[in-house]
Every structure is written in structure tokens, then in C-alpha cells.
Amino acid sequence: ERLHAMAGLLPAGMERERALDLYRRNIASAARRLADEGMT
């Protein structure tokens, strides 16, 4: 019932805030997909 999504290493030369923005989008999308299956 629980899956862990690893964030990844901050890419060289990439601003952390930009990486966090992408991370939030991917994580939100994954969480919504897991919600369809009743998972966390």
C-alpha cells in the first residue's frame, strides 16, 4: 500500500528551486495516480 519515490541528485548546474519545481510536479502527478489505486 506504500511506494517511495526517490527525488534524485541535483543535476550539475541546475538551480535547486528549478529542480524542486519539477520535483513537486512529478510527485503530485504520482500521488494522484496512486490515489486512484488507494495507495500512499
PDB file of all heavy atoms in Angstrom:
ATOM      1  N   GLU A   1       0.802  -1.222   0.000  1.00  0.00           N
ATOM      2  CA  GLU A   1       0.000   0.000   0.000  1.00  0.00           C
ATOM      3  C   GLU A   1       0.840   1.279   0.000  1.00  0.00           C
ATOM      4  O   GLU A   1       0.275   2.371  -0.056  1.00  0.00           O
ATOM      5  CB  GLU A   1      -0.915   0.009   1.231  1.00  0.00           C
ATOM      6  CG  GLU A   1      -1.905  -1.146   1.239  1.00  0.00           C
ATOM      7  CD  GLU A   1      -2.756  -1.168   2.494  1.00  0.00           C
ATOM      8  OE1 GLU A   1      -2.486  -0.365   3.416  1.00  0.00           O
ATOM      9  OE2 GLU A   1      -3.691  -1.989   2.558  1.00  0.00           O
ATOM     10  N   ARG A   2       2.175   1.150   0.084  1.00  0.00           N
ATOM     11  CA  ARG A   2       3.039   2.332   0.149  1.00  0.00           C
ATOM     12  C   ARG A   2       4.198   2.185  -0.819  1.00  0.00           C
ATOM     13  O   ARG A   2       4.864   1.147  -0.849  1.00  0.00           O
ATOM     14  CB  ARG A   2       3.604   2.518   1.572  1.00  0.00           C
ATOM     15  CG  ARG A   2       2.579   2.760   2.634  1.00  0.00           C
ATOM     16  CD  ARG A   2       3.194   2.632   4.021  1.00  0.00           C
ATOM     17  NE  ARG A   2       2.170   2.551   5.048  1.00  0.00           N
ATOM     18  CZ  ARG A   2       1.520   1.433   5.365  1.00  0.00           C
ATOM     19  NH1 ARG A   2       1.788   0.300   4.724  1.00  0.00           N
ATOM     20  NH2 ARG A   2       0.597   1.446   6.300  1.00  0.00           N
ATOM     21  N   LEU A   3       4.440   3.242  -1.589  1.00  0.00           N
ATOM     22  CA  LEU A   3       5.567   3.289  -2.506  1.00  0.00           C
ATOM     23  C   LEU A   3       6.380   4.549  -2.237  1.00  0.00           C
ATOM     24  O   LEU A   3       5.817   5.605  -1.946  1.00  0.00           O
ATOM     25  CB  LEU A   3       5.083   3.283  -3.956  1.00  0.00           C
ATOM     26  CG  LEU A   3       4.344   2.034  -4.427  1.00  0.00           C
ATOM     27  CD1 LEU A   3       3.784   2.257  -5.831  1.00  0.00           C
ATOM     28  CD2 LEU A   3       5.260   0.824  -4.403  1.00  0.00           C
ATOM     29  N   HIS A   4       7.676   4.415  -2.356  1.00  0.00           N
ATOM     30  CA  HIS A   4       8.582   5.548  -2.134  1.00  0.00           C
ATOM     31  C   HIS A   4       9.172   5.993  -3.470  1.00  0.00           C
ATOM     32  O   HIS A   4       9.721   5.182  -4.217  1.00  0.00           O
ATOM     33  CB  HIS A   4       9.710   5.136  -1.182  1.00  0.00           C
ATOM     34  CG  HIS A   4      10.812   6.130  -1.068  1.00  0.00           C
ATOM     35  ND1 HIS A   4      12.137   5.768  -0.939  1.00  0.00           N
ATOM     36  CD2 HIS A   4      10.804   7.496  -1.069  1.00  0.00           C
ATOM     37  CE1 HIS A   4      12.889   6.850  -0.861  1.00  0.00           C
ATOM     38  NE2 HIS A   4      12.103   7.910  -0.946  1.00  0.00           N
ATOM     39  N   ALA A   5       9.052   7.282  -3.759  1.00  0.00           N
ATOM     40  CA  ALA A   5       9.651   7.864  -4.964  1.00  0.00           C
ATOM     41  C   ALA A   5      10.895   8.638  -4.569  1.00  0.00           C
ATOM     42  O   ALA A   5      10.808   9.650  -3.864  1.00  0.00           O
ATOM     43  CB  ALA A   5       8.660   8.790  -5.667  1.00  0.00           C
ATOM     44  N   MET A   6      12.055   8.177  -5.006  1.00  0.00           N
ATOM     45  CA  MET A   6      13.297   8.879  -4.705  1.00  0.00           C
ATOM     46  C   MET A   6      13.382  10.165  -5.527  1.00  0.00           C
ATOM     47  O   MET A   6      12.995  10.196  -6.704  1.00  0.00           O
ATOM     48  CB  MET A   6      14.503   7.987  -4.984  1.00  0.00           C
ATOM     49  CG  MET A   6      14.559   6.741  -4.107  1.00  0.00           C
ATOM     50  SD  MET A   6      16.127   5.838  -4.277  1.00  0.00           S
ATOM     51  CE  MET A   6      17.250   6.942  -3.388  1.00  0.00           C
ATOM     52  N   ALA A   7      13.911  11.212  -4.908  1.00  0.00           N
ATOM     53  CA  ALA A   7      13.949  12.524  -5.553  1.00  0.00           C
ATOM     54  C   ALA A   7      14.993  12.601  -6.655  1.00  0.00           C
ATOM     55  O   ALA A   7      14.753  13.180  -7.720  1.00  0.00           O
ATOM     56  CB  ALA A   7      14.226  13.606  -4.505  1.00  0.00           C
ATOM     57  N   GLY A   8      16.168  12.040  -6.388  1.00  0.00           N
ATOM     58  CA  GLY A   8      17.274  12.155  -7.320  1.00  0.00           C
ATOM     59  C   GLY A   8      18.315  13.145  -6.851  1.00  0.00           C
ATOM     60  O   GLY A   8      18.101  13.925  -5.910  1.00  0.00           O
ATOM     61  N   LEU A   9      19.465  13.117  -7.495  1.00  0.00           N
ATOM     62  CA  LEU A   9      20.552  14.049  -7.203  1.00  0.00           C
ATOM     63  C   LEU A   9      20.341  15.344  -7.988  1.00  0.00           C
ATOM     64  O   LEU A   9      19.919  15.315  -9.147  1.00  0.00           O
ATOM     65  CB  LEU A   9      21.900  13.433  -7.588  1.00  0.00           C
ATOM     66  CG  LEU A   9      22.215  12.050  -7.003  1.00  0.00           C
ATOM     67  CD1 LEU A   9      23.592  11.586  -7.482  1.00  0.00           C
ATOM     68  CD2 LEU A   9      22.145  12.055  -5.491  1.00  0.00           C
ATOM     69  N   LEU A  10      20.629  16.462  -7.348  1.00  0.00           N
ATOM     70  CA  LEU A  10      20.501  17.754  -8.023  1.00  0.00           C
ATOM     71  C   LEU A  10      21.440  17.785  -9.226  1.00  0.00           C
ATOM     72  O   LEU A  10      22.657  17.642  -9.070  1.00  0.00           O
ATOM     73  CB  LEU A  10      20.846  18.882  -7.055  1.00  0.00           C
ATOM     74  CG  LEU A  10      20.765  20.304  -7.614  1.00  0.00           C
ATOM     75  CD1 LEU A  10      19.325  20.647  -7.999  1.00  0.00           C
ATOM     76  CD2 LEU A  10      21.295  21.308  -6.591  1.00  0.00           C
ATOM     77  N   PRO A  11      20.905  17.950 -10.446  1.00  0.00           N
ATOM     78  CA  PRO A  11      21.762  17.957 -11.625  1.00  0.00           C
ATOM     79  C   PRO A  11      22.784  19.095 -11.588  1.00  0.00           C
ATOM     80  O   PRO A  11      22.485  20.202 -11.125  1.00  0.00           O
ATOM     81  CB  PRO A  11      20.773  18.146 -12.785  1.00  0.00           C
ATOM     82  CG  PRO A  11      19.461  17.660 -12.248  1.00  0.00           C
ATOM     83  CD  PRO A  11      19.468  18.040 -10.797  1.00  0.00           C
ATOM     84  N   ALA A  12      23.967  18.822 -12.059  1.00  0.00           N
ATOM     85  CA  ALA A  12      25.025  19.827 -12.080  1.00  0.00           C
ATOM     86  C   ALA A  12      24.579  21.045 -12.880  1.00  0.00           C
ATOM     87  O   ALA A  12      24.030  20.918 -13.983  1.00  0.00           O
ATOM     88  CB  ALA A  12      26.296  19.234 -12.695  1.00  0.00           C
ATOM     89  N   GLY A  13      24.782  22.223 -12.311  1.00  0.00           N
ATOM     90  CA  GLY A  13      24.449  23.461 -12.994  1.00  0.00           C
ATOM     91  C   GLY A  13      22.995  23.854 -12.937  1.00  0.00           C
ATOM     92  O   GLY A  13      22.618  24.914 -13.461  1.00  0.00           O
ATOM     93  N   MET A  14      22.159  23.030 -12.311  1.00  0.00           N
ATOM     94  CA  MET A  14      20.733  23.340 -12.235  1.00  0.00           C
ATOM     95  C   MET A  14      20.424  24.031 -10.907  1.00  0.00           C
ATOM     96  O   MET A  14      20.879  23.583  -9.846  1.00  0.00           O
ATOM     97  CB  MET A  14      19.900  22.063 -12.353  1.00  0.00           C
ATOM     98  CG  MET A  14      18.400  22.290 -12.447  1.00  0.00           C
ATOM     99  SD  MET A  14      17.519  20.713 -12.681  1.00  0.00           S
ATOM    100  CE  MET A  14      15.851  21.283 -12.989  1.00  0.00           C
ATOM    101  N   GLU A  15      19.662  25.112 -10.954  1.00  0.00           N
ATOM    102  CA  GLU A  15      19.271  25.785  -9.724  1.00  0.00           C
ATOM    103  C   GLU A  15      18.345  24.878  -8.916  1.00  0.00           C
ATOM    104  O   GLU A  15      17.455  24.232  -9.458  1.00  0.00           O
ATOM    105  CB  GLU A  15      18.551  27.094 -10.040  1.00  0.00           C
ATOM    106  CG  GLU A  15      19.441  28.155 -10.665  1.00  0.00           C
ATOM    107  CD  GLU A  15      18.691  29.449 -10.917  1.00  0.00           C
ATOM    108  OE1 GLU A  15      17.484  29.510 -10.558  1.00  0.00           O
ATOM    109  OE2 GLU A  15      19.302  30.386 -11.441  1.00  0.00           O
ATOM    110  N   ARG A  16      18.573  24.876  -7.607  1.00  0.00           N
ATOM    111  CA  ARG A  16      17.798  23.988  -6.748  1.00  0.00           C
ATOM    112  C   ARG A  16      16.302  24.281  -6.832  1.00  0.00           C
ATOM    113  O   ARG A  16      15.484  23.355  -6.837  1.00  0.00           O
ATOM    114  CB  ARG A  16      18.284  24.098  -5.307  1.00  0.00           C
ATOM    115  CG  ARG A  16      17.653  23.072  -4.377  1.00  0.00           C
ATOM    116  CD  ARG A  16      18.358  23.011  -3.027  1.00  0.00           C
ATOM    117  NE  ARG A  16      17.814  21.932  -2.234  1.00  0.00           N
ATOM    118  CZ  ARG A  16      16.746  22.038  -1.445  1.00  0.00           C
ATOM    119  NH1 ARG A  16      16.123  23.202  -1.341  1.00  0.00           N
ATOM    120  NH2 ARG A  16      16.291  21.001  -0.749  1.00  0.00           N
ATOM    121  N   GLU A  17      15.914  25.547  -6.902  1.00  0.00           N
ATOM    122  CA  GLU A  17      14.493  25.883  -6.957  1.00  0.00           C
ATOM    123  C   GLU A  17      13.843  25.342  -8.222  1.00  0.00           C
ATOM    124  O   GLU A  17      12.692  24.912  -8.197  1.00  0.00           O
ATOM    125  CB  GLU A  17      14.297  27.394  -6.850  1.00  0.00           C
ATOM    126  CG  GLU A  17      14.453  27.928  -5.442  1.00  0.00           C
ATOM    127  CD  GLU A  17      13.556  27.196  -4.434  1.00  0.00           C
ATOM    128  OE1 GLU A  17      12.360  27.012  -4.744  1.00  0.00           O
ATOM    129  OE2 GLU A  17      14.058  26.808  -3.373  1.00  0.00           O
ATOM    130  N   ARG A  18      14.583  25.369  -9.310  1.00  0.00           N
ATOM    131  CA  ARG A  18      14.039  24.809 -10.556  1.00  0.00           C
ATOM    132  C   ARG A  18      13.856  23.301 -10.426  1.00  0.00           C
ATOM    133  O   ARG A  18      12.842  22.743 -10.874  1.00  0.00           O
ATOM    134  CB  ARG A  18      14.972  25.144 -11.715  1.00  0.00           C
ATOM    135  CG  ARG A  18      14.459  24.647 -13.064  1.00  0.00           C
ATOM    136  CD  ARG A  18      15.355  25.068 -14.212  1.00  0.00           C
ATOM    137  NE  ARG A  18      15.101  24.250 -15.390  1.00  0.00           N
ATOM    138  CZ  ARG A  18      16.041  23.681 -16.138  1.00  0.00           C
ATOM    139  NH1 ARG A  18      17.316  23.854 -15.845  1.00  0.00           N
ATOM    140  NH2 ARG A  18      15.723  22.968 -17.193  1.00  0.00           N
ATOM    141  N   ALA A  19      14.840  22.637  -9.811  1.00  0.00           N
ATOM    142  CA  ALA A  19      14.726  21.194  -9.599  1.00  0.00           C
ATOM    143  C   ALA A  19      13.556  20.875  -8.676  1.00  0.00           C
ATOM    144  O   ALA A  19      12.820  19.907  -8.888  1.00  0.00           O
ATOM    145  CB  ALA A  19      16.028  20.647  -9.023  1.00  0.00           C
ATOM    146  N   LEU A  20      13.362  21.705  -7.651  1.00  0.00           N
ATOM    147  CA  LEU A  20      12.248  21.493  -6.727  1.00  0.00           C
ATOM    148  C   LEU A  20      10.905  21.677  -7.410  1.00  0.00           C
ATOM    149  O   LEU A  20       9.944  20.953  -7.132  1.00  0.00           O
ATOM    150  CB  LEU A  20      12.372  22.440  -5.535  1.00  0.00           C
ATOM    151  CG  LEU A  20      13.392  22.052  -4.467  1.00  0.00           C
ATOM    152  CD1 LEU A  20      13.582  23.193  -3.480  1.00  0.00           C
ATOM    153  CD2 LEU A  20      12.970  20.776  -3.735  1.00  0.00           C
ATOM    154  N   ASP A  21      10.807  22.626  -8.319  1.00  0.00           N
ATOM    155  CA  ASP A  21       9.571  22.832  -9.060  1.00  0.00           C
ATOM    156  C   ASP A  21       9.211  21.588  -9.872  1.00  0.00           C
ATOM    157  O   ASP A  21       8.059  21.138  -9.886  1.00  0.00           O
ATOM    158  CB  ASP A  21       9.684  24.045  -9.987  1.00  0.00           C
ATOM    159  CG  ASP A  21       9.623  25.360  -9.239  1.00  0.00           C
ATOM    160  OD1 ASP A  21       9.162  25.366  -8.075  1.00  0.00           O
ATOM    161  OD2 ASP A  21      10.041  26.395  -9.809  1.00  0.00           O
ATOM    162  N   LEU A  22      10.205  21.057 -10.567  1.00  0.00           N
ATOM    163  CA  LEU A  22       9.986  19.842 -11.352  1.00  0.00           C
ATOM    164  C   LEU A  22       9.625  18.676 -10.436  1.00  0.00           C
ATOM    165  O   LEU A  22       8.714  17.883 -10.733  1.00  0.00           O
ATOM    166  CB  LEU A  22      11.238  19.517 -12.166  1.00  0.00           C
ATOM    167  CG  LEU A  22      11.223  18.203 -12.956  1.00  0.00           C
ATOM    168  CD1 LEU A  22      10.062  18.164 -13.937  1.00  0.00           C
ATOM    169  CD2 LEU A  22      12.557  18.017 -13.681  1.00  0.00           C
ATOM    170  N   TYR A  23      10.334  18.581  -9.324  1.00  0.00           N
ATOM    171  CA  TYR A  23      10.082  17.522  -8.352  1.00  0.00           C
ATOM    172  C   TYR A  23       8.643  17.576  -7.838  1.00  0.00           C
ATOM    173  O   TYR A  23       7.944  16.559  -7.808  1.00  0.00           O
ATOM    174  CB  TYR A  23      11.078  17.670  -7.204  1.00  0.00           C
ATOM    175  CG  TYR A  23      10.884  16.708  -6.064  1.00  0.00           C
ATOM    176  CD1 TYR A  23      11.106  15.338  -6.230  1.00  0.00           C
ATOM    177  CD2 TYR A  23      10.496  17.156  -4.800  1.00  0.00           C
ATOM    178  CE1 TYR A  23      10.946  14.456  -5.180  1.00  0.00           C
ATOM    179  CE2 TYR A  23      10.334  16.282  -3.746  1.00  0.00           C
ATOM    180  CZ  TYR A  23      10.562  14.934  -3.939  1.00  0.00           C
ATOM    181  OH  TYR A  23      10.398  14.061  -2.891  1.00  0.00           O
ATOM    182  N   ARG A  24       8.185  18.763  -7.471  1.00  0.00           N
ATOM    183  CA  ARG A  24       6.812  18.902  -6.978  1.00  0.00           C
ATOM    184  C   ARG A  24       5.800  18.432  -8.027  1.00  0.00           C
ATOM    185  O   ARG A  24       4.817  17.750  -7.702  1.00  0.00           O
ATOM    186  CB  ARG A  24       6.536  20.350  -6.599  1.00  0.00           C
ATOM    187  CG  ARG A  24       7.274  20.857  -5.370  1.00  0.00           C
ATOM    188  CD  ARG A  24       6.810  22.263  -5.015  1.00  0.00           C
ATOM    189  NE  ARG A  24       7.680  22.888  -4.035  1.00  0.00           N
ATOM    190  CZ  ARG A  24       8.688  23.700  -4.333  1.00  0.00           C
ATOM    191  NH1 ARG A  24       8.944  23.999  -5.610  1.00  0.00           N
ATOM    192  NH2 ARG A  24       9.428  24.235  -3.384  1.00  0.00           N
ATOM    193  N   ARG A  25       6.025  18.806  -9.287  1.00  0.00           N
ATOM    194  CA  ARG A  25       5.088  18.415 -10.339  1.00  0.00           C
ATOM    195  C   ARG A  25       5.047  16.898 -10.502  1.00  0.00           C
ATOM    196  O   ARG A  25       3.969  16.299 -10.607  1.00  0.00           O
ATOM    197  CB  ARG A  25       5.465  19.090 -11.663  1.00  0.00           C
ATOM    198  CG  ARG A  25       5.253  20.600 -11.667  1.00  0.00           C
ATOM    199  CD  ARG A  25       5.254  21.141 -13.085  1.00  0.00           C
ATOM    200  NE  ARG A  25       6.518  20.923 -13.778  1.00  0.00           N
ATOM    201  CZ  ARG A  25       7.559  21.763 -13.729  1.00  0.00           C
ATOM    202  NH1 ARG A  25       7.478  22.855 -12.990  1.00  0.00           N
ATOM    203  NH2 ARG A  25       8.655  21.508 -14.402  1.00  0.00           N
ATOM    204  N   ASN A  26       6.218  16.285 -10.539  1.00  0.00           N
ATOM    205  CA  ASN A  26       6.274  14.831 -10.702  1.00  0.00           C
ATOM    206  C   ASN A  26       5.661  14.103  -9.505  1.00  0.00           C
ATOM    207  O   ASN A  26       4.918  13.124  -9.667  1.00  0.00           O
ATOM    208  CB  ASN A  26       7.721  14.373 -10.891  1.00  0.00           C
ATOM    209  CG  ASN A  26       8.200  14.540 -12.319  1.00  0.00           C
ATOM    210  OD1 ASN A  26       7.424  14.434 -13.261  1.00  0.00           O
ATOM    211  ND2 ASN A  26       9.479  14.809 -12.494  1.00  0.00           N
ATOM    212  N   ILE A  27       5.964  14.587  -8.310  1.00  0.00           N
ATOM    213  CA  ILE A  27       5.451  13.940  -7.111  1.00  0.00           C
ATOM    214  C   ILE A  27       3.933  14.099  -7.018  1.00  0.00           C
ATOM    215  O   ILE A  27       3.204  13.153  -6.669  1.00  0.00           O
ATOM    216  CB  ILE A  27       6.148  14.514  -5.854  1.00  0.00           C
ATOM    217  CG1 ILE A  27       7.610  14.060  -5.814  1.00  0.00           C
ATOM    218  CG2 ILE A  27       5.422  14.098  -4.579  1.00  0.00           C
ATOM    219  CD1 ILE A  27       7.805  12.556  -5.761  1.00  0.00           C
ATOM    220  N   ALA A  28       3.432  15.280  -7.336  1.00  0.00           N
ATOM    221  CA  ALA A  28       1.980  15.490  -7.308  1.00  0.00           C
ATOM    222  C   ALA A  28       1.282  14.571  -8.299  1.00  0.00           C
ATOM    223  O   ALA A  28       0.241  13.971  -7.994  1.00  0.00           O
ATOM    224  CB  ALA A  28       1.661  16.949  -7.608  1.00  0.00           C
ATOM    225  N   SER A  29       1.847  14.441  -9.495  1.00  0.00           N
ATOM    226  CA  SER A  29       1.260  13.567 -10.503  1.00  0.00           C
ATOM    227  C   SER A  29       1.269  12.117 -10.036  1.00  0.00           C
ATOM    228  O   SER A  29       0.273  11.391 -10.185  1.00  0.00           O
ATOM    229  CB  SER A  29       2.036  13.709 -11.820  1.00  0.00           C
ATOM    230  OG  SER A  29       1.565  12.804 -12.789  1.00  0.00           O
ATOM    231  N   ALA A  30       2.391  11.682  -9.447  1.00  0.00           N
ATOM    232  CA  ALA A  30       2.493  10.302  -8.962  1.00  0.00           C
ATOM    233  C   ALA A  30       1.517  10.057  -7.815  1.00  0.00           C
ATOM    234  O   ALA A  30       0.882   8.994  -7.746  1.00  0.00           O
ATOM    235  CB  ALA A  30       3.922  10.006  -8.509  1.00  0.00           C
ATOM    236  N   ALA A  31       1.383  11.013  -6.908  1.00  0.00           N
ATOM    237  CA  ALA A  31       0.467  10.838  -5.784  1.00  0.00           C
ATOM    238  C   ALA A  31      -0.972  10.721  -6.267  1.00  0.00           C
ATOM    239  O   ALA A  31      -1.748   9.898  -5.748  1.00  0.00           O
ATOM    240  CB  ALA A  31       0.612  12.000  -4.801  1.00  0.00           C
ATOM    241  N   ARG A  32      -1.341  11.540  -7.264  1.00  0.00           N
ATOM    242  CA  ARG A  32      -2.699  11.427  -7.803  1.00  0.00           C
ATOM    243  C   ARG A  32      -2.919  10.069  -8.460  1.00  0.00           C
ATOM    244  O   ARG A  32      -3.994   9.476  -8.340  1.00  0.00           O
ATOM    245  CB  ARG A  32      -2.955  12.568  -8.794  1.00  0.00           C
ATOM    246  CG  ARG A  32      -3.178  13.922  -8.121  1.00  0.00           C
ATOM    247  CD  ARG A  32      -3.675  14.956  -9.110  1.00  0.00           C
ATOM    248  NE  ARG A  32      -2.645  15.344 -10.064  1.00  0.00           N
ATOM    249  CZ  ARG A  32      -1.812  16.371  -9.895  1.00  0.00           C
ATOM    250  NH1 ARG A  32      -1.894  17.116  -8.806  1.00  0.00           N
ATOM    251  NH2 ARG A  32      -0.912  16.654 -10.814  1.00  0.00           N
ATOM    252  N   ARG A  33      -1.889   9.571  -9.132  1.00  0.00           N
ATOM    253  CA  ARG A  33      -2.018   8.253  -9.771  1.00  0.00           C
ATOM    254  C   ARG A  33      -2.169   7.155  -8.713  1.00  0.00           C
ATOM    255  O   ARG A  33      -2.991   6.241  -8.868  1.00  0.00           O
ATOM    256  CB  ARG A  33      -0.780   7.988 -10.639  1.00  0.00           C
ATOM    257  CG  ARG A  33      -0.807   6.660 -11.366  1.00  0.00           C
ATOM    258  CD  ARG A  33      -1.880   6.619 -12.427  1.00  0.00           C
ATOM    259  NE  ARG A  33      -1.978   5.299 -13.037  1.00  0.00           N
ATOM    260  CZ  ARG A  33      -2.785   4.322 -12.588  1.00  0.00           C
ATOM    261  NH1 ARG A  33      -3.572   4.534 -11.542  1.00  0.00           N
ATOM    262  NH2 ARG A  33      -2.821   3.154 -13.193  1.00  0.00           N
ATOM    263  N   LEU A  34      -1.403   7.232  -7.629  1.00  0.00           N
ATOM    264  CA  LEU A  34      -1.509   6.236  -6.572  1.00  0.00           C
ATOM    265  C   LEU A  34      -2.854   6.322  -5.855  1.00  0.00           C
ATOM    266  O   LEU A  34      -3.390   5.304  -5.411  1.00  0.00           O
ATOM    267  CB  LEU A  34      -0.367   6.394  -5.557  1.00  0.00           C
ATOM    268  CG  LEU A  34       0.856   5.482  -5.785  1.00  0.00           C
ATOM    269  CD1 LEU A  34       1.525   5.790  -7.121  1.00  0.00           C
ATOM    270  CD2 LEU A  34       1.854   5.605  -4.645  1.00  0.00           C
ATOM    271  N   ALA A  35      -3.383   7.539  -5.756  1.00  0.00           N
ATOM    272  CA  ALA A  35      -4.691   7.704  -5.111  1.00  0.00           C
ATOM    273  C   ALA A  35      -5.756   6.904  -5.842  1.00  0.00           C
ATOM    274  O   ALA A  35      -6.694   6.375  -5.222  1.00  0.00           O
ATOM    275  CB  ALA A  35      -5.063   9.177  -5.051  1.00  0.00           C
ATOM    276  N   ASP A  36      -5.640   6.794  -7.170  1.00  0.00           N
ATOM    277  CA  ASP A  36      -6.592   6.004  -7.949  1.00  0.00           C
ATOM    278  C   ASP A  36      -6.596   4.541  -7.517  1.00  0.00           C
ATOM    279  O   ASP A  36      -7.582   3.835  -7.713  1.00  0.00           O
ATOM    280  CB  ASP A  36      -6.245   6.076  -9.446  1.00  0.00           C
ATOM    281  CG  ASP A  36      -6.411   7.464 -10.026  1.00  0.00           C
ATOM    282  OD1 ASP A  36      -7.152   8.274  -9.421  1.00  0.00           O
ATOM    283  OD2 ASP A  36      -5.793   7.752 -11.070  1.00  0.00           O
ATOM    284  N   GLU A  37      -5.457   4.099  -6.954  1.00  0.00           N
ATOM    285  CA  GLU A  37      -5.301   2.700  -6.539  1.00  0.00           C
ATOM    286  C   GLU A  37      -5.444   2.529  -5.029  1.00  0.00           C
ATOM    287  O   GLU A  37      -5.222   1.439  -4.494  1.00  0.00           O
ATOM    288  CB  GLU A  37      -3.913   2.184  -6.966  1.00  0.00           C
ATOM    289  CG  GLU A  37      -3.603   2.360  -8.435  1.00  0.00           C
ATOM    290  CD  GLU A  37      -4.183   1.251  -9.294  1.00  0.00           C
ATOM    291  OE1 GLU A  37      -4.581   0.215  -8.719  1.00  0.00           O
ATOM    292  OE2 GLU A  37      -4.218   1.413 -10.533  1.00  0.00           O
ATOM    293  N   GLY A  38      -5.770   3.621  -4.321  1.00  0.00           N
ATOM    294  CA  GLY A  38      -5.885   3.554  -2.873  1.00  0.00           C
ATOM    295  C   GLY A  38      -4.561   3.385  -2.165  1.00  0.00           C
ATOM    296  O   GLY A  38      -4.509   2.830  -1.052  1.00  0.00           O
ATOM    297  N   MET A  39      -3.474   3.878  -2.771  1.00  0.00           N
ATOM    298  CA  MET A  39      -2.133   3.715  -2.211  1.00  0.00           C
ATOM    299  C   MET A  39      -1.556   5.052  -1.764  1.00  0.00           C
ATOM    300  O   MET A  39      -2.007   6.121  -2.186  1.00  0.00           O
ATOM    301  CB  MET A  39      -1.190   3.074  -3.244  1.00  0.00           C
ATOM    302  CG  MET A  39      -1.583   1.680  -3.666  1.00  0.00           C
ATOM    303  SD  MET A  39      -0.421   1.022  -4.890  1.00  0.00           S
ATOM    304  CE  MET A  39      -1.305  -0.455  -5.419  1.00  0.00           C
ATOM    305  N   THR A  40      -0.536   4.965  -0.920  1.00  0.00           N
ATOM    306  CA  THR A  40       0.144   6.138  -0.384  1.00  0.00           C
ATOM    307  C   THR A  40       1.505   6.298  -1.028  1.00  0.00           C
ATOM    308  O   THR A  40       2.256   5.315  -1.178  1.00  0.00           O
ATOM    309  CB  THR A  40       0.316   6.010   1.144  1.00  0.00           C
ATOM    310  OG1 THR A  40      -0.978   5.964   1.755  1.00  0.00           O
ATOM    311  CG2 THR A  40       1.109   7.176   1.723  1.00  0.00           C
TER     312      THR A  40
END
